[in-house]
């Protein structure tokens, strides 16, 4: 079966929206030459592009479309047709500073920038506005977001005297939600704290009035929000500064429309730096680059149904949401975005404070709140809830301490997700070794495929032990299959004063992450790679340094033994030798040697003596 190029071209025109408007000349067809499109810039050029989007402002981005017929009887390789597209892009660059090229065969799509580099791996053709946004995308200003977050935390803590860190996070997150629901916080700068707090909750209640009757999550958000207090309410300068910073962060979210999730992760990670070393419920907040690594090593995609059964403030779910939305082409693809946010992300959190944060985090993105529940993942009811969700991927960092039920949580998740689900748990290195009896019981039903030991510094003092990612495949018995293990010794991040650990040089993103993804996928390629027998080890085994002893070490041990055998006090001997070397020796330089000579005349008694009375002790009468 063959789909003709004419039909592919017509289909592309409809999807891309290549029609003339007041901003651009646009169309498709193989009868229009470049010369006809613009005889000034393309004079005499008779090549005929399949499709074009030429803005009337030459400083805007132009798009060239190249289409090919689709054959289902052979393997089509679009990349072999790139050269013609690149040639048309070079012609277009005679007029426009920015040019995108799209290669399409009715099914597959490749998109290139004017450096002839593929810029996105979304295998679906989307409206031209998506590609134009992509071309004009402004990188997130991480420093600016961190500065805003630090300022907000300082204002709430030291100006409003709001002692509880989680309350500061919840108040800020709810203010962000209200602003993004149209509250225009800029108009509330004259309010004191209590009035602003009341105004924010009124906006949330009005915005979600229909859902509140059936959605207990909003009731929990309100319950926790009402607990927020501060000791100083009437600092108008501080109020104005707080609102300005909230508005700036909201602007950052909007400025990167299809990847605003990154902004919120920076925001929450910055607040999380202030958490105590042992937060409530044993939560340790996961660094963003580790969250992304776990998403990738589980091969999670926009087609998966993702669970975090100890979701905290929602880091794994927000990252999954961002990655999935990116994979389907961004928020322009409204149908798939709604499906992802409302049908494919699932979270459980026992702490009401953290659950409130997770809900607020989702609400900031206007969706994705449907499948969060405030519950204990150890409970039977939660097991049934998980079982009914057809979970295909698990990404989570459960509480580490036994009193919070880490083993019960992991077991319940494995037992109730779908057959073949890939489950990545971030745990202390030896957690399965310590609970080996229980862990080996799991392996009768499930497989532990991989153990990835992480750098010891990733939690920057927040975790009590080194950690590893444990990758399981649910409902497939281990049957003594060996476990692949490797050790990521460093992540390239550097500690920046007041800003925590940052990938400021892009070492992780550009070098180490691609390297380790390749090693983990191929299960080879690094000297740290190991294969473990499950009946022997359930953690990465640090190599034992080979035993060695130097001649100096040998002499030292022998000398210590001789001193002991002869009753000679070692400290007195060392003191006598040093004094003799400094004051009683003769030092000569002979050729390339330094000779030290001692006279035998002076003898020192270095034998151990019974304890002597101090000069300051009173004499017996």
Protein backbone atom coordinates (compact mmCIF):
# COMPACT_ATOMS: atom_id res chain seq x y z
CA UNK A 1 0.00 0.00 0.00
CA UNK A 2 1.29 3.46 -0.93
CA UNK A 3 0.08 6.90 0.17
CA UNK A 4 0.92 9.36 -2.60
CA UNK A 5 3.01 12.44 -1.97
CA UNK A 6 0.08 14.65 -2.98
CA UNK A 7 -2.07 13.15 -0.22
CA UNK A 8 0.77 13.44 2.30
CA UNK A 9 1.22 17.10 1.33
CA UNK A 10 -2.49 17.87 1.68
CA UNK A 11 -2.56 16.16 5.08
CA UNK A 12 0.47 18.17 6.20
CA UNK A 13 -1.16 21.44 5.15
CA UNK A 14 -4.21 20.74 7.31
CA UNK A 15 -2.18 19.72 10.37
CA UNK A 16 0.37 22.53 10.12
CA UNK A 17 -2.19 25.20 9.25
CA UNK A 18 -0.23 26.38 6.22
CA UNK A 19 -2.69 29.05 5.02
CA UNK A 20 -2.07 32.70 4.21
CA UNK A 21 -2.90 35.22 6.93
CA UNK A 22 -2.02 38.79 7.84
CA UNK A 23 1.27 37.67 9.42
CA UNK A 24 2.67 35.32 6.79
CA UNK A 25 2.47 33.87 3.30
CA UNK A 26 1.96 30.15 3.62
CA UNK A 27 0.94 27.20 1.49
CA UNK A 28 1.82 23.86 -0.11
CA UNK A 29 2.22 22.51 -3.64
CA UNK A 30 4.90 21.70 -6.17
CA UNK A 31 4.06 24.40 -8.71
CA UNK A 32 5.34 27.50 -6.89
CA UNK A 33 9.03 28.39 -7.23
CA UNK A 34 11.12 30.29 -4.72
CA UNK A 35 11.39 33.04 -7.32
CA UNK A 36 7.59 33.36 -7.40
CA UNK A 37 7.45 33.48 -3.61
CA UNK A 38 9.91 36.40 -3.44
CA UNK A 39 11.71 37.63 -6.55
CA UNK A 40 13.88 39.98 -4.48
CA UNK A 41 15.52 37.47 -2.13
CA UNK A 42 15.10 34.34 -4.28
CA UNK A 43 15.63 35.85 -7.71
CA UNK A 44 15.98 33.24 -10.45
CA UNK A 45 15.67 30.24 -8.10
CA UNK A 46 13.36 27.73 -9.77
CA UNK A 47 13.29 25.11 -7.00
CA UNK A 48 9.76 24.31 -5.79
CA UNK A 49 9.29 23.58 -2.07
CA UNK A 50 6.50 21.24 -0.96
CA UNK A 51 5.39 23.71 1.70
CA UNK A 52 6.39 27.03 3.18
CA UNK A 53 5.60 29.44 5.98
CA UNK A 54 7.18 32.84 5.21
CA UNK A 55 6.47 35.57 7.82
CA UNK A 56 6.17 39.13 6.56
CA UNK A 57 8.63 40.12 9.30
CA UNK A 58 11.97 38.69 8.16
CA UNK A 59 13.18 38.61 11.79
CA UNK A 60 10.61 35.90 12.55
CA UNK A 61 11.10 32.16 11.99
CA UNK A 62 10.35 30.65 8.56
CA UNK A 63 9.40 27.00 7.97
CA UNK A 64 10.14 24.79 4.96
CA UNK A 65 8.21 21.55 4.44
CA UNK A 66 9.49 18.57 2.45
CA UNK A 67 7.07 15.67 1.94
CA UNK A 68 7.56 12.11 0.71
CA UNK A 69 5.16 9.35 -0.29
CA UNK A 70 4.55 6.66 2.32
CA UNK A 71 5.00 3.01 1.45
CA UNK A 72 3.87 0.35 3.93
CA UNK A 73 5.61 -2.37 1.95
CA UNK A 74 9.13 -1.22 2.67
CA UNK A 75 11.08 0.36 5.45
CA UNK A 76 11.10 4.10 4.76
CA UNK A 77 14.14 5.96 6.00
CA UNK A 78 13.28 9.64 6.07
CA UNK A 79 16.83 10.66 6.89
CA UNK A 80 18.02 9.77 3.38
CA UNK A 81 15.84 12.62 2.05
CA UNK A 82 17.37 15.30 4.27
CA UNK A 83 19.71 16.79 1.68
CA UNK A 84 16.94 18.29 -0.44
CA UNK A 85 15.30 19.76 2.66
CA UNK A 86 18.63 21.24 3.79
CA UNK A 87 19.14 22.81 0.35
CA UNK A 88 15.72 24.48 0.51
CA UNK A 89 16.46 25.67 4.04
CA UNK A 90 19.71 27.27 2.84
CA UNK A 91 17.80 29.06 0.09
CA UNK A 92 15.25 30.32 2.63
CA UNK A 93 18.09 31.52 4.87
CA UNK A 94 18.92 34.12 2.21
CA UNK A 95 15.89 36.02 3.55
CA UNK A 96 15.26 34.78 7.10
CA UNK A 97 17.66 34.58 10.04
CA UNK A 98 15.82 31.60 11.54
CA UNK A 99 14.65 28.66 9.46
CA UNK A 100 13.07 25.36 10.50
CA UNK A 101 12.84 22.36 8.18
CA UNK A 102 10.18 19.64 8.46
CA UNK A 103 10.49 16.28 6.69
CA UNK A 104 7.22 14.30 6.63
CA UNK A 105 5.91 11.14 4.96
CA UNK A 106 2.39 11.02 6.35
CA UNK A 107 3.44 9.04 9.40
CA UNK A 108 6.95 9.94 10.56
CA UNK A 109 8.33 13.43 11.00
CA UNK A 110 11.82 14.91 11.43
CA UNK A 111 12.38 18.56 12.41
CA UNK A 112 15.67 20.43 11.90
CA UNK A 113 16.97 23.86 12.81
CA UNK A 114 19.14 26.07 10.61
CA UNK A 115 22.24 24.30 11.95
CA UNK A 116 20.85 21.11 10.37
CA UNK A 117 20.40 19.52 13.79
CA UNK A 118 17.30 17.55 14.74
CA UNK A 119 15.65 19.55 17.50
CA UNK A 120 12.89 17.28 18.80
CA UNK A 121 11.98 13.60 18.82
CA UNK A 122 8.17 13.94 18.64
CA UNK A 123 7.07 11.46 15.99
CA UNK A 124 3.78 13.25 15.29
CA UNK A 125 3.21 16.23 13.00
CA UNK A 126 1.78 19.19 14.95
CA UNK A 127 0.47 22.67 14.21
CA UNK A 128 3.04 25.22 13.03
CA UNK A 129 2.61 27.25 16.24
CA UNK A 130 4.24 24.46 18.21
CA UNK A 131 7.36 24.54 16.04
CA UNK A 132 7.47 28.34 16.06
CA UNK A 133 7.38 28.33 19.87
CA UNK A 134 10.08 25.70 19.88
CA UNK A 135 12.31 27.82 17.65
CA UNK A 136 11.81 30.92 19.78
CA UNK A 137 12.10 29.10 23.09
CA UNK A 138 13.97 31.09 25.72
CA UNK A 139 16.00 28.98 28.17
CA UNK A 140 14.76 29.03 31.74
CA UNK A 141 16.70 31.52 33.87
CA UNK A 142 17.53 29.18 36.75
CA UNK A 143 19.42 31.84 38.69
CA UNK A 144 16.45 34.21 38.51
CA UNK A 145 14.02 31.54 39.72
CA UNK A 146 16.33 30.60 42.59
CA UNK A 147 16.74 34.25 43.53
CA UNK A 148 12.95 34.70 43.61
CA UNK A 149 12.52 31.56 45.71
CA UNK A 150 15.23 32.56 48.18
CA UNK A 151 13.66 36.02 48.46
CA UNK A 152 10.18 34.53 49.10
CA UNK A 153 11.51 32.19 51.77
CA UNK A 154 13.43 34.98 53.49
CA UNK A 155 10.44 37.34 53.39
CA UNK A 156 8.00 34.81 54.85
CA UNK A 157 10.49 33.58 57.44
CA UNK A 158 12.04 36.83 58.67
CA UNK A 159 9.55 39.57 57.74
CA UNK A 160 6.23 37.79 58.27
CA UNK A 161 7.78 35.50 60.94
CA UNK A 162 6.25 32.34 59.48
CA UNK A 163 8.19 29.63 61.30
CA UNK A 164 7.00 26.45 59.57
CA UNK A 165 8.82 25.81 56.29
CA UNK A 166 6.01 23.67 54.87
CA UNK A 167 3.55 26.47 55.62
CA UNK A 168 5.77 28.86 53.67
CA UNK A 169 5.76 26.43 50.74
CA UNK A 170 1.98 25.86 50.86
CA UNK A 171 1.19 29.58 51.15
CA UNK A 172 3.44 30.41 48.20
CA UNK A 173 2.12 27.54 46.08
CA UNK A 174 -1.51 28.54 46.73
CA UNK A 175 -0.68 32.17 45.91
CA UNK A 176 0.77 30.95 42.60
CA UNK A 177 -2.36 28.92 41.84
CA UNK A 178 -4.58 31.92 42.62
CA UNK A 179 -2.50 34.21 40.40
CA UNK A 180 -2.63 31.73 37.54
CA UNK A 181 -6.41 31.52 37.97
CA UNK A 182 -6.62 35.24 37.21
CA UNK A 183 -6.35 36.76 40.69
CA UNK A 184 -3.88 39.48 39.60
CA UNK A 185 -1.99 39.56 42.88
CA UNK A 186 -0.41 42.89 41.87
CA UNK A 187 -3.69 44.50 42.94
CA UNK A 188 -3.48 43.08 46.48
CA UNK A 189 -0.28 44.76 47.67
CA UNK A 190 -2.16 46.99 50.12
CA UNK A 191 -3.63 44.00 51.99
CA UNK A 192 -2.20 42.66 55.23
CA UNK A 193 -1.32 38.98 55.58
CA UNK A 194 -4.69 37.78 56.93
CA UNK A 195 -6.66 39.55 54.22
CA UNK A 196 -4.39 38.28 51.44
CA UNK A 197 -4.63 34.76 52.85
CA UNK A 198 -8.44 35.01 52.88
CA UNK A 199 -8.56 36.47 49.37
CA UNK A 200 -6.42 33.63 48.00
CA UNK A 201 -8.65 30.90 49.46
CA UNK A 202 -11.76 32.68 48.14
CA UNK A 203 -10.28 32.63 44.64
CA UNK A 204 -9.43 28.93 44.92
CA UNK A 205 -12.93 28.09 46.18
CA UNK A 206 -14.54 30.05 43.36
CA UNK A 207 -12.25 28.59 40.71
CA UNK A 208 -12.88 25.01 41.79
CA UNK A 209 -16.47 25.35 43.07
CA UNK A 210 -17.80 22.60 40.79
CA UNK A 211 -15.06 20.16 41.72
CA UNK A 212 -15.11 20.90 45.44
CA UNK A 213 -18.42 19.13 45.93
CA UNK A 214 -16.96 15.85 44.67
CA UNK A 215 -13.23 16.34 45.22
CA UNK A 216 -12.03 15.94 48.80
CA UNK A 217 -8.53 17.00 47.77
CA UNK A 218 -9.63 20.62 47.65
CA UNK A 219 -11.05 20.26 51.16
CA UNK A 220 -7.67 18.97 52.40
CA UNK A 221 -5.87 21.86 50.69
CA UNK A 222 -8.22 24.31 52.42
CA UNK A 223 -7.82 22.52 55.78
CA UNK A 224 -4.02 22.72 55.67
CA UNK A 225 -4.04 26.23 54.23
CA UNK A 226 -6.20 27.52 57.10
CA UNK A 227 -3.55 26.33 59.60
CA UNK A 228 -1.00 28.80 58.22
CA UNK A 229 -0.19 31.65 60.59
CA UNK A 230 2.46 34.32 60.93
CA UNK A 231 3.54 36.55 63.81
CA UNK A 232 3.79 39.82 61.85
CA UNK A 233 1.01 40.76 59.43
CA UNK A 234 1.30 44.44 58.53
CA UNK A 235 4.65 44.89 56.75
CA UNK A 236 3.44 46.41 53.46
CA UNK A 237 6.93 46.60 51.96
CA UNK A 238 7.44 42.88 52.59
CA UNK A 239 3.95 42.14 51.19
CA UNK A 240 4.75 44.06 48.00
CA UNK A 241 8.09 42.23 47.60
CA UNK A 242 6.43 38.84 48.21
CA UNK A 243 3.78 39.46 45.55
CA UNK A 244 6.36 40.75 43.05
CA UNK A 245 8.39 37.55 43.40
CA UNK A 246 5.33 35.29 43.11
CA UNK A 247 4.31 37.10 39.92
CA UNK A 248 7.84 36.69 38.52
CA UNK A 249 7.77 32.92 39.10
CA UNK A 250 4.34 32.71 37.48
CA UNK A 251 5.78 34.55 34.49
CA UNK A 252 8.62 32.01 34.26
CA UNK A 253 6.06 29.19 34.11
CA UNK A 254 4.21 30.93 31.27
CA UNK A 255 7.38 31.86 29.42
CA UNK A 256 8.22 28.21 28.77
CA UNK A 257 4.72 27.04 28.00
CA UNK A 258 5.31 23.37 27.18
CA UNK A 259 7.99 22.80 29.78
CA UNK A 260 6.96 25.01 32.68
CA UNK A 261 7.19 21.93 34.90
CA UNK A 262 10.94 22.54 35.00
CA UNK A 263 10.29 25.93 36.59
CA UNK A 264 8.21 24.41 39.37
CA UNK A 265 10.83 21.74 40.04
CA UNK A 266 13.45 24.46 40.51
CA UNK A 267 11.04 26.28 42.81
CA UNK A 268 10.29 23.24 44.99
CA UNK A 269 13.88 22.01 45.02
CA UNK A 270 14.99 25.43 46.25
CA UNK A 271 12.51 25.32 49.14
CA UNK A 272 13.45 21.72 49.88
CA UNK A 273 17.05 22.77 50.56
CA UNK A 274 15.84 24.31 53.82
CA UNK A 275 14.22 21.12 55.11
CA UNK A 276 15.82 19.44 58.14
CA UNK A 277 18.06 16.42 57.67
CA UNK A 278 15.29 14.14 58.91
CA UNK A 279 11.98 15.59 57.73
CA UNK A 280 8.59 14.26 58.90
CA UNK A 281 7.55 10.86 57.60
CA UNK A 282 11.16 10.11 56.65
CA UNK A 283 10.84 12.01 53.37
CA UNK A 284 14.06 12.80 51.53
CA UNK A 285 13.41 15.02 48.52
CA UNK A 286 14.99 13.70 45.35
CA UNK A 287 17.36 15.87 43.25
CA UNK A 288 15.87 16.70 39.87
CA UNK A 289 18.63 15.08 37.78
CA UNK A 290 18.09 11.77 39.60
CA UNK A 291 14.33 12.00 39.03
CA UNK A 292 14.97 12.45 35.30
CA UNK A 293 17.47 9.57 35.27
CA UNK A 294 14.90 7.23 36.82
CA UNK A 295 12.31 8.27 34.23
CA UNK A 296 14.73 7.37 31.46
CA UNK A 297 16.16 4.09 32.76
CA UNK A 298 12.63 2.72 33.15
CA UNK A 299 11.93 3.65 29.50
CA UNK A 300 8.87 5.59 30.62
CA UNK A 301 6.90 7.29 27.82
CA UNK A 302 3.67 9.23 27.36
CA UNK A 303 1.86 5.90 26.89
CA UNK A 304 2.64 4.69 30.44
CA UNK A 305 0.59 4.94 33.61
CA UNK A 306 2.99 6.16 36.30
CA UNK A 307 2.72 5.69 40.07
CA UNK A 308 4.56 7.28 42.99
CA UNK A 309 3.18 5.71 46.17
CA UNK A 310 5.10 8.13 48.44
CA UNK A 311 4.85 11.19 46.22
CA UNK A 312 5.82 13.97 48.66
CA UNK A 313 5.46 17.31 46.87
CA UNK A 314 5.10 15.52 43.53
CA UNK A 315 8.61 15.66 42.04
CA UNK A 316 8.41 12.37 40.13
CA UNK A 317 4.89 13.00 38.88
CA UNK A 318 5.62 16.56 37.75
CA UNK A 319 8.77 15.39 35.95
CA UNK A 320 6.82 12.56 34.29
CA UNK A 321 4.12 15.04 33.29
CA UNK A 322 6.67 17.38 31.72
CA UNK A 323 8.48 14.63 29.84
CA UNK A 324 5.23 13.10 28.56
CA UNK A 325 3.82 16.43 27.41
CA UNK A 326 7.08 17.12 25.60
CA UNK A 327 6.89 13.73 23.87
CA UNK A 328 3.44 14.47 22.42
CA UNK A 329 4.50 17.88 21.16
CA UNK A 330 3.70 20.21 24.01
CA UNK A 331 0.53 21.87 25.25
CA UNK A 332 -0.58 22.65 21.69
CA UNK A 333 -1.62 18.99 21.60
CA UNK A 334 -4.51 19.56 24.03
CA UNK A 335 -6.14 16.15 23.61
CA UNK A 336 -3.04 14.16 24.57
CA UNK A 337 -2.08 16.63 27.30
CA UNK A 338 -5.46 16.16 29.02
CA UNK A 339 -5.12 12.40 28.69
CA UNK A 340 -1.66 12.48 30.31
CA UNK A 341 -2.61 14.79 33.16
CA UNK A 342 -5.92 13.17 34.04
CA UNK A 343 -5.45 9.49 33.20
CA UNK A 344 -1.77 8.56 33.50
CA UNK A 345 -0.30 10.06 36.69
CA UNK A 346 -1.05 8.52 40.09
CA UNK A 347 0.20 9.49 43.54
CA UNK A 348 -0.26 8.51 47.18
CA UNK A 349 0.98 10.60 50.12
CA UNK A 350 0.31 10.07 53.83
CA UNK A 351 1.36 13.54 55.05
CA UNK A 352 -1.41 16.12 54.64
CA UNK A 353 1.14 18.93 54.32
CA UNK A 354 3.04 17.18 51.54
CA UNK A 355 -0.20 16.05 49.89
CA UNK A 356 -1.34 19.68 49.85
CA UNK A 357 1.93 20.65 48.17
CA UNK A 358 1.56 17.90 45.57
CA UNK A 359 -2.00 19.00 44.78
CA UNK A 360 -0.98 22.66 44.58
CA UNK A 361 1.92 21.69 42.34
CA UNK A 362 -0.52 19.96 39.98
CA UNK A 363 -3.07 22.78 40.20
CA UNK A 364 -0.41 25.26 39.14
CA UNK A 365 -0.40 23.38 35.86
CA UNK A 366 -4.22 23.56 35.81
CA UNK A 367 -4.64 19.80 35.69
CA UNK A 368 -3.27 16.45 36.83
CA UNK A 369 -4.86 16.57 40.30
CA UNK A 370 -7.45 13.85 39.68
CA UNK A 371 -5.39 10.81 40.68
CA UNK A 372 -3.70 11.98 43.90
CA UNK A 373 -4.93 10.47 47.15
CA UNK A 374 -4.04 11.26 50.76
CA UNK A 375 -3.56 7.80 52.26
CA UNK A 376 -1.08 5.27 53.66
CA UNK A 377 0.46 2.98 51.02
CA UNK A 378 0.62 0.23 53.64
CA UNK A 379 -3.17 0.00 53.82
CA UNK A 380 -5.21 -2.69 52.08
CA UNK A 381 -7.52 -0.05 50.54
CA UNK A 382 -4.55 1.60 48.83
CA UNK A 383 -3.42 -1.78 47.48
CA UNK A 384 -6.84 -2.19 45.87
CA UNK A 385 -6.67 1.37 44.52
CA UNK A 386 -3.27 0.68 42.92
CA UNK A 387 -4.47 -2.63 41.49
CA UNK A 388 -7.34 -0.87 39.73
CA UNK A 389 -5.11 1.70 38.00
CA UNK A 390 -3.25 -0.64 35.60
CA UNK A 391 0.12 0.88 36.56
CA UNK A 392 2.93 0.20 34.05
CA UNK A 393 5.78 2.25 35.59
CA UNK A 394 6.72 3.12 39.17
CA UNK A 395 9.07 5.97 40.07
CA UNK A 396 9.51 6.60 43.77
CA UNK A 397 11.74 7.46 46.68
CA UNK A 398 9.97 5.87 49.67
CA UNK A 399 10.75 6.81 53.30
CA UNK A 400 13.92 4.96 54.31
CA UNK A 401 13.36 4.14 57.97
CA UNK A 402 11.60 0.91 58.97
CA UNK A 403 9.19 2.75 61.28
CA UNK A 404 7.64 4.37 58.20
CA UNK A 405 7.03 0.98 56.60
CA UNK A 406 9.49 1.07 53.72
CA UNK A 407 9.40 -2.72 53.18
CA UNK A 408 5.60 -2.85 53.33
CA UNK A 409 5.29 0.02 50.83
CA UNK A 410 7.68 -1.54 48.29
CA UNK A 411 6.03 -4.95 48.63
CA UNK A 412 2.52 -3.55 48.25
CA UNK A 413 3.52 -1.64 45.13
CA UNK A 414 5.20 -4.64 43.48
CA UNK A 415 2.28 -6.94 44.29
CA UNK A 416 -0.41 -4.63 42.90
CA UNK A 417 0.97 -3.04 39.72
CA UNK A 418 0.43 -4.58 36.28
CA UNK A 419 2.29 -7.65 35.09
CA UNK A 420 5.65 -6.64 33.65
CA UNK A 421 5.56 -3.14 35.19
CA UNK A 422 9.01 -1.57 35.58
CA UNK A 423 9.46 -0.25 39.12
CA UNK A 424 12.35 2.01 40.14
CA UNK A 425 12.86 2.55 43.89
CA UNK A 426 15.47 4.87 45.37
CA UNK A 427 16.70 3.23 48.60
CA UNK A 428 19.78 3.08 50.85
CA UNK A 429 22.45 0.85 49.29
CA UNK A 430 22.13 -1.96 51.80
CA UNK A 431 18.37 -1.76 52.45
CA UNK A 432 17.67 -5.05 50.68
CA UNK A 433 20.71 -6.71 52.27
CA UNK A 434 19.51 -5.71 55.74
CA UNK A 435 16.04 -7.02 54.95
CA UNK A 436 17.37 -9.91 52.86
CA UNK A 437 14.88 -12.47 54.14
CA UNK A 438 11.96 -10.32 53.09
CA UNK A 439 13.58 -9.13 49.85
CA UNK A 440 14.33 -12.69 48.70
CA UNK A 441 10.69 -13.50 49.34
CA UNK A 442 9.81 -10.75 46.83
CA UNK A 443 12.13 -12.36 44.29
CA UNK A 444 9.93 -15.46 44.25
CA UNK A 445 7.32 -13.30 42.49
CA UNK A 446 9.27 -10.38 41.03
CA UNK A 447 12.67 -9.77 39.38
CA UNK A 448 15.37 -7.38 40.53
CA UNK A 449 16.97 -6.45 37.21
CA UNK A 450 19.42 -3.66 38.00
CA UNK A 451 21.08 -1.82 40.87
CA UNK A 452 22.57 1.60 40.12
CA UNK A 453 24.66 2.96 42.99
CA UNK A 454 24.55 6.76 43.03
CA UNK A 455 27.20 9.33 44.07
CA UNK A 456 27.36 9.70 47.83
CA UNK A 457 26.94 13.49 47.74
CA UNK A 458 23.66 13.71 45.79
CA UNK A 459 21.52 14.44 48.84
CA UNK A 460 23.94 17.04 50.24
CA UNK A 461 23.60 15.90 53.85
CA UNK A 462 19.85 15.17 53.74
CA UNK A 463 20.15 11.37 53.59
CA UNK A 464 21.71 9.28 56.31
CA UNK A 465 23.28 6.78 53.91
CA UNK A 466 24.43 6.27 50.35
CA UNK A 467 21.67 5.36 47.95
CA UNK A 468 21.02 3.19 44.90
CA UNK A 469 18.26 2.83 42.33
CA UNK A 470 16.73 -0.66 42.46
CA UNK A 471 14.95 -1.55 39.22
CA UNK A 472 12.35 -4.34 39.48
CA UNK A 473 10.13 -6.06 36.93
CA UNK A 474 6.83 -6.96 38.56
CA UNK A 475 5.26 -10.44 38.46
CA UNK A 476 8.24 -12.12 36.82
CA UNK A 477 10.11 -14.41 39.28
CA UNK A 478 13.86 -13.96 39.63
CA UNK A 479 14.61 -17.68 39.15
CA UNK A 480 18.25 -17.02 40.14
CA UNK A 481 18.83 -14.63 37.21
CA UNK A 482 21.89 -12.51 37.94
CA UNK A 483 21.43 -8.81 38.72
CA UNK A 484 23.27 -6.12 36.76
CA UNK A 485 24.90 -3.45 38.94
CA UNK A 486 27.04 -0.38 38.31
CA UNK A 487 28.33 2.63 40.22
CA UNK A 488 27.89 6.25 39.14
CA UNK A 489 30.80 7.69 41.12
CA UNK A 490 30.17 11.36 40.31
CA UNK A 491 27.46 13.50 38.75
CA UNK A 492 29.45 16.63 37.85
CA UNK A 493 27.32 18.94 39.99
CA UNK A 494 29.02 21.65 42.03
CA UNK A 495 27.95 23.26 45.29
CA UNK A 496 27.08 26.93 44.84
CA UNK A 497 26.85 29.13 47.92
CA UNK A 498 23.22 29.55 49.04
CA UNK A 499 21.99 27.64 45.97
CA UNK A 500 22.90 24.03 46.65
CA UNK A 501 24.34 21.61 44.10
CA UNK A 502 23.99 22.73 40.48
CA UNK A 503 25.00 21.39 37.06
CA UNK A 504 26.51 24.77 36.22
CA UNK A 505 28.88 23.41 33.56
CA UNK A 506 26.35 21.03 32.03
CA UNK A 507 28.60 18.05 32.77
CA UNK A 508 25.73 15.81 33.89
CA UNK A 509 23.28 16.83 31.18
CA UNK A 510 25.66 16.81 28.24
CA UNK A 511 28.21 14.15 29.17
CA UNK A 512 27.55 11.94 32.18
CA UNK A 513 23.81 11.30 31.80
CA UNK A 514 24.07 10.13 28.14
CA UNK A 515 27.08 7.99 29.09
CA UNK A 516 25.33 6.27 32.00
CA UNK A 517 22.07 5.78 30.11
CA UNK A 518 24.09 3.92 27.48
CA UNK A 519 25.90 1.81 30.11
CA UNK A 520 22.66 0.95 31.93
CA UNK A 521 20.86 0.10 28.68
CA UNK A 522 23.69 -2.07 27.33
CA UNK A 523 24.59 -3.41 30.81
CA UNK A 524 28.25 -2.98 29.97
CA UNK A 525 30.83 -0.37 29.07
CA UNK A 526 32.09 0.83 32.45
CA UNK A 527 34.68 -0.69 34.78
CA UNK A 528 32.21 -0.56 37.67
CA UNK A 529 29.79 -3.01 36.00
CA UNK A 530 29.02 -6.16 38.01
CA UNK A 531 26.75 -9.19 37.82
CA UNK A 532 25.44 -10.30 41.20
CA UNK A 533 24.02 -13.65 42.25
CA UNK A 534 20.74 -12.87 44.08
CA UNK A 535 21.35 -15.56 46.70
CA UNK A 536 24.68 -13.88 47.58
CA UNK A 537 24.24 -10.10 47.21
CA UNK A 538 21.40 -7.59 46.91
CA UNK A 539 23.53 -4.45 46.73
CA UNK A 540 26.37 -3.07 44.65
CA UNK A 541 29.65 -4.55 45.92
CA UNK A 542 32.41 -2.02 46.38
CA UNK A 543 35.71 -3.47 45.10
CA UNK A 544 38.07 -4.61 47.84
CA UNK A 545 41.46 -2.95 47.67
CA UNK A 546 44.23 -5.57 47.26
CA UNK A 547 46.35 -6.16 50.35
CA UNK A 548 49.79 -4.56 50.16
CA UNK A 549 52.51 -3.60 52.60
CA UNK A 550 55.43 -1.26 52.01
CA UNK A 551 58.98 -1.78 53.24
CA UNK A 552 58.48 1.19 55.55
CA UNK A 553 55.34 -0.37 57.07
CA UNK A 554 57.23 -3.66 57.57
CA UNK A 555 60.14 -1.94 59.34
CA UNK A 556 57.76 0.02 61.55
CA UNK A 557 55.94 -3.11 62.71
CA UNK A 558 59.22 -4.96 63.37
CA UNK A 559 60.67 -2.02 65.31
CA UNK A 560 57.51 -1.65 67.40
CA UNK A 561 57.69 -5.34 68.27
CA UNK A 562 61.40 -5.13 69.22
CA UNK A 563 60.75 -2.12 71.44
CA UNK A 564 57.93 -3.99 73.15
CA UNK A 565 60.03 -7.14 73.62
CA UNK A 566 62.85 -5.15 75.23
CA UNK A 567 60.59 -3.11 77.48
CA UNK A 568 61.47 0.17 75.78
CA UNK A 569 58.94 2.99 75.89
CA UNK A 570 58.15 3.94 72.29
CA UNK A 571 57.45 7.63 72.98
CA UNK A 572 60.64 8.03 75.03
CA UNK A 573 62.61 6.27 72.32
CA UNK A 574 61.21 8.54 69.59
CA UNK A 575 61.90 11.62 71.73
CA UNK A 576 65.49 10.52 72.42
CA UNK A 577 66.11 9.77 68.73
CA UNK A 578 64.77 13.17 67.69
CA UNK A 579 66.90 15.02 70.26
CA UNK A 580 69.98 13.06 69.24
CA UNK A 581 69.31 13.82 65.58
CA UNK A 582 68.90 17.52 66.23
CA UNK A 583 71.58 18.13 68.83
CA UNK A 584 74.09 15.26 69.00
CA UNK A 585 74.54 14.22 65.39
CA UNK A 586 76.93 15.27 62.66
CA UNK A 587 75.37 15.77 59.26
CA UNK A 588 77.56 15.55 56.17
CA UNK A 589 76.82 15.89 52.47
CA UNK A 590 78.76 13.27 50.49
CA UNK A 591 78.18 13.16 46.76
CA UNK A 592 74.42 12.60 46.43
CA UNK A 593 73.99 11.27 49.97
CA UNK A 594 73.36 12.90 53.33
CA UNK A 595 75.18 11.11 56.17
CA UNK A 596 74.07 11.40 59.79
CA UNK A 597 76.64 10.30 62.42
CA UNK A 598 76.02 9.80 66.17
CA UNK A 599 78.56 9.55 69.01
CA UNK A 600 78.11 6.49 71.16
CA UNK A 601 79.19 8.38 74.26
CA UNK A 602 75.67 9.45 75.30
CA UNK A 603 73.28 6.79 76.41
CA UNK A 604 69.64 7.37 77.16
CA UNK A 605 67.50 5.15 79.36
CA UNK A 606 64.28 4.62 77.45
CA UNK A 607 63.07 1.65 79.43
CA UNK A 608 59.54 1.74 80.75
CA UNK A 609 59.51 3.00 84.33
CA UNK A 610 56.91 2.70 87.01
CA UNK A 611 54.78 5.79 87.36
CA UNK A 612 56.58 8.52 89.27
CA UNK A 613 55.12 10.92 91.78
CA UNK A 614 54.39 14.40 90.53
CA UNK A 615 56.50 17.24 91.90
CA UNK A 616 53.25 18.86 92.95
CA UNK A 617 52.06 15.88 95.00
CA UNK A 618 52.16 16.42 98.75
CA UNK A 619 54.70 14.34 100.61
CA UNK A 620 53.39 11.88 103.11
CA UNK A 621 53.85 12.95 106.70
